[in-house]
Amino acid sequence: MARVVKKFGGSSVADAESIKRVARRIAAAKREGHEVVIVISAMGDTTDELLDLAHQVSPQPAPRELDMLLTTGERQSAALLAMALSDLGHVAKSYTGSQAGVITTEQHGNARILKITPGRIQAALEEGSIVIVAGFQGVSNDTKEITTLGRGASDTTAVALAAAMGADYCEIYSDVDGVFTADPRIVPGAQRIPEISYEEMLEMAANGAKILHLRCVEYARRENVPVHVRSSFSDKPGTWVKDLNDINEGNPMEQAIISGIAHDRGEAKITVVGVPDRVGEAARIFDAVARADINIDMIVQNVSNVDSNRTDVTFTLPMSDGKKAIEALRAQQDTIGFQDLLYDDSIGKVSIVGVGMRSHPGVTAKFFNALADAEINIQMISTSEIRISVVVEADKVDDAVRAAHTAFGLDAEGEAVVYAGTGR
């Protein structure tokens, strides 16, 4: 008998029939003798619909009230799933994040989990009940207010619960059959990856792959929780995310050079033009951005112009923070002394990820040659030990993903399936 935490995404519980199908899958696991804890997302597009409704009522909804509103989506699906399981003859109890003991920081909209005190969940399991926890939410340790963890963070709730309860593993269900070598909606011949390391999955998630929430993978790696990614629409084996030493018995000879291709259309590029080329100017630029609570991704500084002794600094950031960054820099223009700001959100990032590139020379050349053959211009480059990222024009992203996927021999003969069309 295993203790398992299973998380079901919004596409898996999009309507009443979907909830019943999920209930049958959970009931089957219970009949096999497992202790089952379920983490559930809101039904379908409920969260987006609630956000739209909030902005119809108020152009700038109060963060506290927005969290109160958005958490109702998961509470609905949790209660409905409990009802469906009851009709199948199982005792099921649904809990909000706060009832389940999910303790968070006080930041509304993007709180972080501090700890989980799963006393009520443990008691319910000892009674033989199936436990259902509303994902994406918790309660602030200091203010006792309801908080949300950010979009897609039901994954993080599930892994955190698995760690807190000593679960054997955590299963994340979506509408695809696991983690693929690229987005199946762009590359129909993308292959399912049977096993992938935490490090590779972190790079994939950080660079645009939507299958797992970034903080979920960070939590899983830190707590060493094996994560099984699979589809709620099929019984296919899915993908295991685990420690690299547990993959292929730690034999690097069996590790693929490149595990996958990720892409991100949600970034923008800012160029700070005519920055005085002297000590401390770059620090002033990024201090201004940091004070606006904006994360920077890639940075490039041009060679200084000998005549003017000025240079240009270009960086990428989330597109949603573009306006805020421009305002923060404009406010410091006189202090920093730069000449102008250029903003471009018609870009996309494409990344190749794989621990195999550590021991294989020529990976960069192959990637760049593939892009050149596809007549794709590279605007920026960033690397880590297991990842190479480039910025290209937005309308070239799909072509870049397909070119890289083919160049590294990742194309399969069959077609991958996205059952509900969302990839979550």
Protein backbone atom coordinates (compact mmCIF):
# COMPACT_ATOMS: atom_id res chain seq x y z
CA MET A 1 0.00 0.00 0.00
CA ALA A 2 1.30 3.44 -0.91
CA ARG A 3 0.44 6.93 0.25
CA VAL A 4 -0.05 9.00 -2.89
CA VAL A 5 -0.88 12.65 -3.56
CA LYS A 6 -2.67 13.12 -6.88
CA LYS A 7 -3.21 16.54 -8.44
CA PHE A 8 -5.77 17.11 -11.20
CA GLY A 9 -5.58 20.22 -13.39
CA GLY A 10 -8.43 22.34 -14.63
CA SER A 11 -8.73 20.55 -17.98
CA SER A 12 -9.17 17.24 -16.12
CA VAL A 13 -12.21 18.54 -14.21
CA ALA A 14 -13.64 20.90 -16.82
CA ASP A 15 -17.25 19.71 -16.48
CA ALA A 16 -19.48 17.27 -14.58
CA GLU A 17 -18.61 14.28 -16.77
CA SER A 18 -14.91 14.99 -16.39
CA ILE A 19 -15.27 15.14 -12.61
CA LYS A 20 -17.03 11.77 -12.65
CA ARG A 21 -14.24 10.30 -14.78
CA VAL A 22 -11.62 11.58 -12.34
CA ALA A 23 -13.65 10.18 -9.43
CA ARG A 24 -13.60 6.72 -11.02
CA ARG A 25 -9.81 6.89 -11.38
CA ILE A 26 -9.44 7.91 -7.73
CA ALA A 27 -11.85 5.19 -6.60
CA ALA A 28 -9.76 2.60 -8.45
CA ALA A 29 -6.63 3.72 -6.57
CA LYS A 30 -8.50 3.50 -3.28
CA ARG A 31 -9.70 -0.04 -4.08
CA GLU A 32 -6.06 -1.02 -4.67
CA GLY A 33 -5.44 -0.18 -1.02
CA HIS A 34 -3.66 3.16 -1.38
CA GLU A 35 -4.05 6.12 0.95
CA VAL A 36 -5.14 8.87 -1.41
CA VAL A 37 -4.87 12.65 -1.04
CA ILE A 38 -6.21 14.70 -3.95
CA VAL A 39 -5.26 18.28 -4.85
CA ILE A 40 -7.70 19.86 -7.27
CA SER A 41 -7.65 22.91 -9.52
CA ALA A 42 -10.64 25.02 -10.51
CA MET A 43 -12.84 23.66 -13.28
CA GLY A 44 -11.70 24.50 -16.82
CA ASP A 45 -11.38 28.25 -17.31
CA THR A 46 -13.07 29.18 -14.02
CA THR A 47 -10.10 31.17 -12.70
CA ASP A 48 -9.88 33.23 -15.90
CA GLU A 49 -13.64 33.83 -15.80
CA LEU A 50 -13.45 35.00 -12.19
CA LEU A 51 -10.57 37.32 -13.06
CA ASP A 52 -12.54 38.79 -15.96
CA LEU A 53 -15.54 39.28 -13.69
CA ALA A 54 -13.42 41.01 -11.07
CA HIS A 55 -12.02 43.45 -13.63
CA GLN A 56 -15.52 44.17 -14.93
CA VAL A 57 -16.49 45.21 -11.42
CA SER A 58 -13.24 47.02 -10.58
CA PRO A 59 -10.35 48.13 -12.83
CA GLN A 60 -7.93 47.43 -9.96
CA PRO A 61 -9.40 44.84 -7.60
CA ALA A 62 -8.07 44.87 -4.06
CA PRO A 63 -5.57 41.98 -3.77
CA ARG A 64 -7.19 40.64 -0.60
CA GLU A 65 -10.64 40.50 -2.17
CA LEU A 66 -9.26 39.04 -5.39
CA ASP A 67 -7.79 36.15 -3.41
CA MET A 68 -11.11 35.66 -1.63
CA LEU A 69 -12.81 35.45 -5.04
CA LEU A 70 -10.31 33.26 -6.88
CA THR A 71 -10.09 30.60 -4.17
CA THR A 72 -13.78 29.80 -4.66
CA GLY A 73 -12.99 28.05 -7.95
CA GLU A 74 -10.97 25.26 -6.31
CA ARG A 75 -13.48 24.98 -3.48
CA GLN A 76 -16.23 24.30 -6.03
CA SER A 77 -14.34 21.53 -7.81
CA ALA A 78 -13.21 19.96 -4.50
CA ALA A 79 -16.77 19.75 -3.18
CA LEU A 80 -18.13 18.40 -6.47
CA LEU A 81 -15.45 15.72 -6.62
CA ALA A 82 -16.27 14.67 -3.04
CA MET A 83 -19.92 14.30 -4.07
CA ALA A 84 -18.97 12.17 -7.08
CA LEU A 85 -16.80 9.90 -4.92
CA SER A 86 -19.61 9.55 -2.39
CA ASP A 87 -21.89 8.27 -5.14
CA LEU A 88 -19.23 5.63 -5.90
CA GLY A 89 -19.42 4.41 -2.31
CA HIS A 90 -16.37 6.16 -0.85
CA VAL A 91 -16.15 8.57 2.06
CA ALA A 92 -14.48 11.72 0.75
CA LYS A 93 -13.87 15.00 2.56
CA SER A 94 -12.96 18.29 0.88
CA TYR A 95 -10.83 20.95 2.54
CA THR A 96 -9.80 24.48 1.70
CA GLY A 97 -6.09 25.25 1.74
CA SER A 98 -6.36 26.82 5.19
CA GLN A 99 -8.34 23.85 6.56
CA ALA A 100 -5.64 21.54 5.20
CA GLY A 101 -2.95 23.46 7.10
CA VAL A 102 -1.24 25.20 4.15
CA ILE A 103 0.57 28.08 5.89
CA THR A 104 1.92 30.82 3.62
CA THR A 105 3.55 34.21 3.51
CA GLU A 106 1.20 37.18 3.55
CA GLN A 107 1.64 38.31 -0.06
CA HIS A 108 -1.68 38.20 -1.90
CA GLY A 109 -1.62 36.74 -5.40
CA ASN A 110 1.81 35.15 -5.15
CA ALA A 111 2.29 33.82 -1.62
CA ARG A 112 4.84 31.13 -0.81
CA ILE A 113 4.28 28.06 1.33
CA LEU A 114 6.09 28.27 4.67
CA LYS A 115 4.93 24.96 6.11
CA ILE A 116 2.06 22.49 6.12
CA THR A 117 0.42 21.22 9.30
CA PRO A 118 -1.61 18.27 7.96
CA GLY A 119 -3.28 17.20 11.20
CA ARG A 120 -6.83 17.17 9.81
CA ILE A 121 -5.72 15.39 6.66
CA GLN A 122 -3.88 12.74 8.65
CA ALA A 123 -6.91 12.17 10.86
CA ALA A 124 -9.20 11.82 7.84
CA LEU A 125 -6.84 9.28 6.24
CA GLU A 126 -6.75 7.25 9.45
CA GLU A 127 -10.54 7.12 9.28
CA GLY A 128 -10.25 5.65 5.78
CA SER A 129 -11.49 8.76 3.96
CA ILE A 130 -10.28 10.10 0.64
CA VAL A 131 -9.00 13.63 1.24
CA ILE A 132 -9.51 16.40 -1.32
CA VAL A 133 -7.60 19.66 -0.90
CA ALA A 134 -8.32 22.84 -2.83
CA GLY A 135 -5.06 23.76 -4.56
CA PHE A 136 -3.47 27.14 -5.23
CA GLN A 137 -4.35 28.57 -1.80
CA GLY A 138 -3.46 28.78 1.87
CA VAL A 139 -3.60 31.08 4.88
CA SER A 140 -1.05 33.67 5.96
CA ASN A 141 0.93 32.75 9.05
CA ASP A 142 0.94 36.36 10.27
CA THR A 143 -2.29 37.99 9.08
CA LYS A 144 -4.51 34.85 9.02
CA GLU A 145 -5.84 36.06 5.67
CA ILE A 146 -6.65 33.75 2.74
CA THR A 147 -3.86 33.82 0.14
CA THR A 148 -3.25 32.43 -3.33
CA LEU A 149 0.06 31.00 -4.55
CA GLY A 150 0.10 32.25 -8.16
CA ARG A 151 -1.27 30.77 -11.36
CA GLY A 152 -0.53 27.08 -11.81
CA ALA A 153 0.49 26.65 -8.18
CA SER A 154 -1.84 23.73 -7.44
CA ASP A 155 1.19 21.68 -8.55
CA THR A 156 3.17 23.26 -5.72
CA THR A 157 0.39 22.53 -3.22
CA ALA A 158 0.46 18.87 -4.25
CA VAL A 159 4.24 18.43 -3.94
CA ALA A 160 4.33 20.32 -0.63
CA LEU A 161 1.59 18.06 0.76
CA ALA A 162 3.44 14.98 -0.49
CA ALA A 163 6.58 16.13 1.32
CA ALA A 164 4.76 17.04 4.53
CA MET A 165 2.93 13.71 4.69
CA GLY A 166 5.81 11.49 3.65
CA ALA A 167 3.99 10.32 0.53
CA ASP A 168 5.70 7.74 -1.67
CA TYR A 169 5.28 10.00 -4.68
CA CYS A 170 3.16 12.78 -6.18
CA GLU A 171 1.16 12.37 -9.39
CA ILE A 172 0.35 15.43 -11.50
CA TYR A 173 -2.48 14.82 -13.97
CA SER A 174 -3.12 17.06 -16.97
CA ASP A 175 -4.34 16.62 -20.56
CA VAL A 176 -1.05 15.36 -22.02
CA ASP A 177 0.64 12.00 -21.53
CA GLY A 178 3.67 13.36 -19.68
CA VAL A 179 6.58 15.71 -20.33
CA PHE A 180 7.44 15.95 -24.02
CA THR A 181 10.57 16.94 -25.89
CA ALA A 182 8.67 20.04 -27.11
CA ASP A 183 5.17 21.47 -27.02
CA PRO A 184 3.07 18.92 -29.00
CA ARG A 185 0.93 21.76 -30.35
CA ILE A 186 4.02 23.13 -32.15
CA VAL A 187 5.87 19.87 -32.83
CA PRO A 188 3.39 17.05 -33.53
CA GLY A 189 6.30 14.59 -33.53
CA ALA A 190 7.40 15.48 -30.00
CA GLN A 191 8.32 12.44 -27.92
CA ARG A 192 7.28 11.61 -24.38
CA ILE A 193 10.27 11.65 -22.03
CA PRO A 194 10.06 8.57 -19.76
CA GLU A 195 12.35 10.06 -17.06
CA ILE A 196 13.79 13.53 -16.55
CA SER A 197 15.96 14.96 -13.78
CA TYR A 198 14.85 17.69 -11.42
CA GLU A 199 17.56 19.96 -12.88
CA GLU A 200 16.39 19.51 -16.46
CA MET A 201 12.74 19.95 -15.48
CA LEU A 202 13.64 23.14 -13.59
CA GLU A 203 15.26 24.56 -16.72
CA MET A 204 12.32 23.48 -18.88
CA ALA A 205 9.80 25.06 -16.50
CA ALA A 206 11.82 28.25 -16.04
CA ASN A 207 12.10 28.68 -19.79
CA GLY A 208 8.46 28.34 -20.75
CA ALA A 209 7.37 24.69 -20.50
CA LYS A 210 3.92 24.86 -18.89
CA ILE A 211 3.49 21.23 -17.89
CA LEU A 212 4.79 21.81 -14.33
CA HIS A 213 4.86 24.92 -12.17
CA LEU A 214 8.45 26.10 -11.52
CA ARG A 215 8.06 26.28 -7.74
CA CYS A 216 6.59 22.77 -7.76
CA VAL A 217 9.81 21.41 -9.30
CA GLU A 218 11.97 23.46 -6.91
CA TYR A 219 10.03 22.03 -3.95
CA ALA A 220 10.22 18.49 -5.31
CA ARG A 221 14.00 18.71 -5.77
CA ARG A 222 14.56 20.21 -2.33
CA GLU A 223 12.41 17.58 -0.58
CA ASN A 224 13.35 14.76 -2.99
CA VAL A 225 9.73 13.98 -3.89
CA PRO A 226 9.40 11.83 -7.03
CA VAL A 227 6.83 13.41 -9.36
CA HIS A 228 4.85 11.36 -11.88
CA VAL A 229 3.40 13.48 -14.71
CA ARG A 230 0.62 11.79 -16.66
CA SER A 231 -2.74 12.30 -18.34
CA SER A 232 -6.13 11.92 -16.71
CA PHE A 233 -7.50 11.04 -20.16
CA SER A 234 -5.40 7.88 -20.67
CA ASP A 235 -3.55 5.12 -18.81
CA LYS A 236 -0.21 5.73 -20.55
CA PRO A 237 2.89 5.59 -18.33
CA GLY A 238 3.71 9.31 -18.27
CA THR A 239 7.01 10.87 -17.14
CA TRP A 240 8.90 10.51 -13.87
CA VAL A 241 10.72 13.57 -12.55
CA LYS A 242 13.39 12.44 -10.10
CA ASP A 243 16.98 12.72 -8.95
CA LEU A 244 19.48 12.32 -11.77
CA ASN A 245 21.26 9.51 -9.92
CA ASP A 246 18.03 7.49 -10.03
CA ILE A 247 17.76 7.81 -13.83
CA ASN A 248 19.37 5.11 -15.96
CA GLU A 249 21.11 3.91 -12.77
CA GLY A 250 23.27 7.03 -12.88
CA ASN A 251 24.93 5.97 -16.15
CA PRO A 252 25.74 9.18 -18.10
CA MET A 253 26.38 7.16 -21.28
CA GLU A 254 22.63 6.51 -21.49
CA GLN A 255 21.65 10.15 -21.03
CA ALA A 256 20.39 11.94 -24.14
CA ILE A 257 22.40 15.00 -25.16
CA ILE A 258 19.29 17.18 -25.28
CA SER A 259 16.18 16.25 -23.32
CA GLY A 260 13.83 18.88 -24.68
CA ILE A 261 13.11 22.24 -26.28
CA ALA A 262 11.24 24.90 -24.29
CA HIS A 263 9.86 28.21 -25.48
CA ASP A 264 8.41 31.32 -23.87
CA ARG A 265 6.34 34.03 -25.57
CA GLY A 266 5.78 35.97 -22.34
CA GLU A 267 8.96 38.05 -22.30
CA ALA A 268 9.83 41.55 -23.47
CA LYS A 269 13.15 43.28 -24.16
CA ILE A 270 14.30 46.67 -22.88
CA THR A 271 17.39 48.44 -24.20
CA VAL A 272 18.87 51.24 -22.12
CA VAL A 273 20.53 53.41 -24.75
CA GLY A 274 23.59 55.58 -24.19
CA VAL A 275 24.61 54.50 -20.68
CA PRO A 276 27.79 56.26 -19.47
CA ASP A 277 30.54 53.62 -19.51
CA ARG A 278 31.78 54.02 -15.96
CA VAL A 279 31.82 52.00 -12.77
CA GLY A 280 28.45 51.51 -11.07
CA GLU A 281 26.07 52.47 -13.89
CA ALA A 282 24.86 48.92 -14.52
CA ALA A 283 24.28 48.55 -10.79
CA ARG A 284 22.09 51.66 -10.79
CA ILE A 285 20.02 50.33 -13.71
CA PHE A 286 19.31 47.01 -12.09
CA ASP A 287 18.81 48.51 -8.63
CA ALA A 288 15.97 50.57 -10.11
CA VAL A 289 14.44 47.45 -11.67
CA ALA A 290 14.89 45.41 -8.49
CA ARG A 291 13.17 48.05 -6.36
CA ALA A 292 10.16 47.68 -8.68
CA ASP A 293 10.14 43.94 -7.74
CA ILE A 294 10.89 42.79 -11.29
CA ASN A 295 12.88 39.67 -12.15
CA ILE A 296 15.46 39.97 -14.94
CA ASP A 297 16.23 37.06 -17.25
CA MET A 298 18.89 37.68 -19.94
CA ILE A 299 21.35 40.60 -20.04
CA VAL A 300 23.65 41.84 -22.81
CA GLN A 301 25.96 44.86 -22.69
CA ASN A 302 27.38 46.17 -25.94
CA VAL A 303 30.97 47.21 -26.49
CA SER A 304 31.47 50.83 -25.47
CA ASN A 305 31.57 53.50 -28.18
CA VAL A 306 35.08 54.97 -28.07
CA ASP A 307 34.00 58.46 -29.19
CA SER A 308 31.10 58.92 -26.76
CA ASN A 309 32.26 56.57 -24.00
CA ARG A 310 28.70 55.27 -23.81
CA THR A 311 27.23 51.80 -24.18
CA ASP A 312 23.84 50.10 -24.50
CA VAL A 313 22.49 47.57 -22.00
CA THR A 314 19.72 45.19 -23.08
CA PHE A 315 17.78 42.83 -20.82
CA THR A 316 14.66 40.68 -20.93
CA LEU A 317 11.90 40.50 -18.36
CA PRO A 318 8.30 39.27 -18.06
CA MET A 319 6.11 41.12 -20.55
CA SER A 320 3.62 41.85 -17.77
CA ASP A 321 6.29 43.90 -15.97
CA GLY A 322 7.34 45.93 -19.02
CA LYS A 323 5.40 49.10 -18.23
CA LYS A 324 6.49 49.05 -14.59
CA ALA A 325 10.15 48.66 -15.57
CA ILE A 326 10.01 51.54 -18.06
CA GLU A 327 8.46 53.80 -15.41
CA ALA A 328 11.08 52.79 -12.82
CA LEU A 329 13.94 53.52 -15.22
CA ARG A 330 12.48 56.81 -16.48
CA ALA A 331 12.30 57.99 -12.87
CA GLN A 332 16.07 57.38 -12.56
CA GLN A 333 17.13 58.70 -15.99
CA ASP A 334 18.76 61.87 -14.68
CA THR A 335 20.60 59.98 -11.95
CA ILE A 336 21.86 57.22 -14.25
CA GLY A 337 22.43 59.52 -17.21
CA PHE A 338 21.29 57.25 -20.04
CA GLN A 339 19.90 58.77 -23.24
CA ASP A 340 16.83 56.72 -24.11
CA LEU A 341 14.83 53.51 -23.56
CA LEU A 342 13.69 51.07 -26.26
CA TYR A 343 10.95 48.52 -25.58
CA ASP A 344 10.15 45.44 -27.68
CA ASP A 345 7.61 42.76 -26.77
CA SER A 346 7.60 41.11 -30.22
CA ILE A 347 10.14 38.53 -29.12
CA GLY A 348 10.23 34.96 -27.88
CA LYS A 349 12.76 32.78 -26.10
CA VAL A 350 13.73 29.30 -27.28
CA SER A 351 15.86 27.03 -25.09
CA ILE A 352 17.50 23.63 -25.47
CA VAL A 353 17.87 21.69 -22.22
CA GLY A 354 19.85 18.57 -21.36
CA VAL A 355 22.42 17.34 -18.85
CA GLY A 356 24.06 15.46 -21.72
CA MET A 357 25.49 18.67 -23.16
CA ARG A 358 27.96 18.79 -20.26
CA SER A 359 30.05 16.09 -21.93
CA HIS A 360 29.26 16.68 -25.62
CA PRO A 361 31.09 19.46 -27.49
CA GLY A 362 29.45 21.08 -30.48
CA VAL A 363 25.95 21.44 -29.01
CA THR A 364 25.99 25.23 -29.36
CA ALA A 365 27.21 25.03 -32.94
CA LYS A 366 24.51 22.52 -33.90
CA PHE A 367 21.78 24.69 -32.31
CA PHE A 368 22.95 27.89 -34.00
CA ASN A 369 23.45 26.18 -37.37
CA ALA A 370 19.90 24.83 -37.20
CA LEU A 371 18.57 28.35 -36.60
CA ALA A 372 20.74 29.75 -39.39
CA ASP A 373 19.49 27.12 -41.84
CA ALA A 374 15.93 28.15 -40.92
CA GLU A 375 16.91 31.81 -41.55
CA ILE A 376 16.23 32.78 -37.94
CA ASN A 377 18.22 35.69 -36.50
CA ILE A 378 19.47 35.44 -32.89
CA GLN A 379 19.07 38.63 -30.87
CA MET A 380 20.39 37.51 -27.47
CA ILE A 381 22.08 34.43 -26.01
CA SER A 382 22.18 33.04 -22.49
CA THR A 383 23.63 29.78 -21.16
CA SER A 384 23.84 27.59 -18.10
CA GLU A 385 25.58 24.27 -17.59
CA ILE A 386 22.60 22.37 -19.02
CA ARG A 387 20.73 25.01 -21.04
CA ILE A 388 21.24 27.35 -24.01
CA SER A 389 18.62 30.06 -24.61
CA VAL A 390 18.21 32.49 -27.48
CA VAL A 391 15.87 35.39 -28.12
CA VAL A 392 14.31 35.53 -31.58
CA GLU A 393 11.48 37.42 -33.27
CA ALA A 394 8.09 36.39 -31.97
CA ASP A 395 6.86 35.11 -35.32
CA LYS A 396 9.94 32.87 -35.60
CA VAL A 397 9.48 31.01 -32.32
CA ASP A 398 7.60 28.03 -33.74
CA ASP A 399 10.10 27.65 -36.58
CA ALA A 400 12.99 27.82 -34.11
CA VAL A 401 11.48 25.13 -31.87
CA ARG A 402 10.89 22.81 -34.82
CA ALA A 403 14.37 23.42 -36.27
CA ALA A 404 16.10 22.66 -32.95
CA HIS A 405 13.90 19.62 -32.31
CA THR A 406 14.84 18.14 -35.67
CA ALA A 407 18.52 19.05 -35.42
CA PHE A 408 18.94 17.10 -32.18
CA GLY A 409 17.11 14.02 -33.47
CA LEU A 410 14.09 14.36 -31.21
CA ASP A 411 11.38 13.93 -33.88
CA ALA A 412 9.20 10.82 -33.58
CA GLU A 413 7.11 9.17 -36.28
CA GLY A 414 3.78 9.31 -34.45
CA GLU A 415 1.91 12.36 -33.20
CA ALA A 416 1.60 13.41 -29.57
CA VAL A 417 -1.90 14.06 -28.25
CA VAL A 418 -3.15 17.03 -26.26
CA TYR A 419 -6.52 15.69 -25.17
CA ALA A 420 -8.20 18.89 -24.02
CA GLY A 421 -6.06 21.34 -25.96
CA THR A 422 -4.55 23.28 -23.06
CA GLY A 423 -1.43 21.34 -22.12
CA ARG A 424 -2.37 21.48 -18.40
